[in-house]
Amino acid sequence: MEQIAINTEFIKLDALLKYAALVGTGGEAKMVISEGMVSVNGEVCTMRGKKIRPGDVVRFERFTVEVTQA
């Protein structure tokens, strides 16, 4: 599991996928989220604007990312 540190209260799910380099573009992030390929804390999430906060765990394909506070 990779840890990604943010220095804000939250990061939106689509931005996190780009920030963690799990996708290359915002359009790709929108597509994989809308197709139900991303889970947040074990539940499939189709809301690209979902607020991801420190402690949340995001899974996409074989990647798992835990968000921490910087």
Protein backbone atom coordinates (compact mmCIF):
# COMPACT_ATOMS: atom_id res chain seq x y z
CA MET A 1 0.00 0.00 0.00
CA GLU A 2 1.33 3.39 -1.01
CA GLN A 3 0.78 6.43 1.17
CA ILE A 4 -0.04 9.80 -0.36
CA ALA A 5 0.30 12.86 1.89
CA ILE A 6 -1.95 15.86 1.40
CA ASN A 7 -1.63 19.19 3.19
CA THR A 8 -5.27 20.21 2.82
CA GLU A 9 -8.42 19.00 4.61
CA PHE A 10 -9.40 16.82 1.64
CA ILE A 11 -8.70 16.06 -2.01
CA LYS A 12 -11.33 15.14 -4.58
CA LEU A 13 -11.22 11.57 -5.85
CA ASP A 14 -10.45 12.43 -9.48
CA ALA A 15 -7.64 14.76 -8.40
CA LEU A 16 -6.21 12.08 -6.10
CA LEU A 17 -6.01 9.58 -8.96
CA LYS A 18 -4.03 12.10 -11.00
CA TYR A 19 -1.88 13.23 -8.04
CA ALA A 20 -0.96 9.61 -7.23
CA ALA A 21 -0.18 9.01 -10.95
CA LEU A 22 -2.73 6.19 -11.17
CA VAL A 23 -4.21 7.82 -14.28
CA GLY A 24 -2.70 10.19 -16.81
CA THR A 25 -5.48 12.71 -17.32
CA GLY A 26 -8.62 14.09 -15.73
CA GLY A 27 -10.65 12.52 -18.52
CA GLU A 28 -9.21 9.12 -17.74
CA ALA A 29 -9.97 9.64 -14.04
CA LYS A 30 -13.58 10.56 -14.86
CA MET A 31 -13.94 7.44 -17.01
CA VAL A 32 -12.56 4.90 -14.52
CA ILE A 33 -14.59 6.41 -11.67
CA SER A 34 -17.86 6.48 -13.65
CA GLU A 35 -17.31 2.87 -14.75
CA GLY A 36 -17.10 1.74 -11.11
CA MET A 37 -13.43 0.76 -11.24
CA VAL A 38 -12.46 2.70 -8.09
CA SER A 39 -13.31 1.91 -4.48
CA VAL A 40 -13.05 4.11 -1.40
CA ASN A 41 -12.79 2.39 1.97
CA GLY A 42 -13.94 -0.89 0.41
CA GLU A 43 -17.01 0.48 -1.40
CA VAL A 44 -17.25 1.22 -5.12
CA CYS A 45 -17.46 4.98 -5.67
CA THR A 46 -18.80 6.57 -8.85
CA MET A 47 -18.63 10.20 -7.62
CA ARG A 48 -15.52 11.85 -9.05
CA GLY A 49 -15.91 14.82 -6.69
CA LYS A 50 -16.00 12.66 -3.55
CA LYS A 51 -13.94 14.24 -0.82
CA ILE A 52 -11.08 11.97 0.20
CA ARG A 53 -9.68 12.74 3.64
CA PRO A 54 -6.64 11.51 5.58
CA GLY A 55 -7.23 7.93 6.66
CA ASP A 56 -9.24 6.99 3.56
CA VAL A 57 -8.04 4.08 1.43
CA VAL A 58 -8.55 4.18 -2.35
CA ARG A 59 -8.19 1.13 -4.61
CA PHE A 60 -7.87 1.15 -8.39
CA GLU A 61 -6.88 -1.97 -10.30
CA ARG A 62 -3.91 -3.46 -8.41
CA PHE A 63 -3.03 -0.19 -6.65
CA THR A 64 -3.99 0.72 -3.09
CA VAL A 65 -3.40 4.24 -1.80
CA GLU A 66 -3.84 5.46 1.76
CA VAL A 67 -4.23 9.20 2.19
CA THR A 68 -2.28 10.75 5.08
CA GLN A 69 -1.95 14.28 6.43
CA ALA A 70 1.31 16.00 5.47
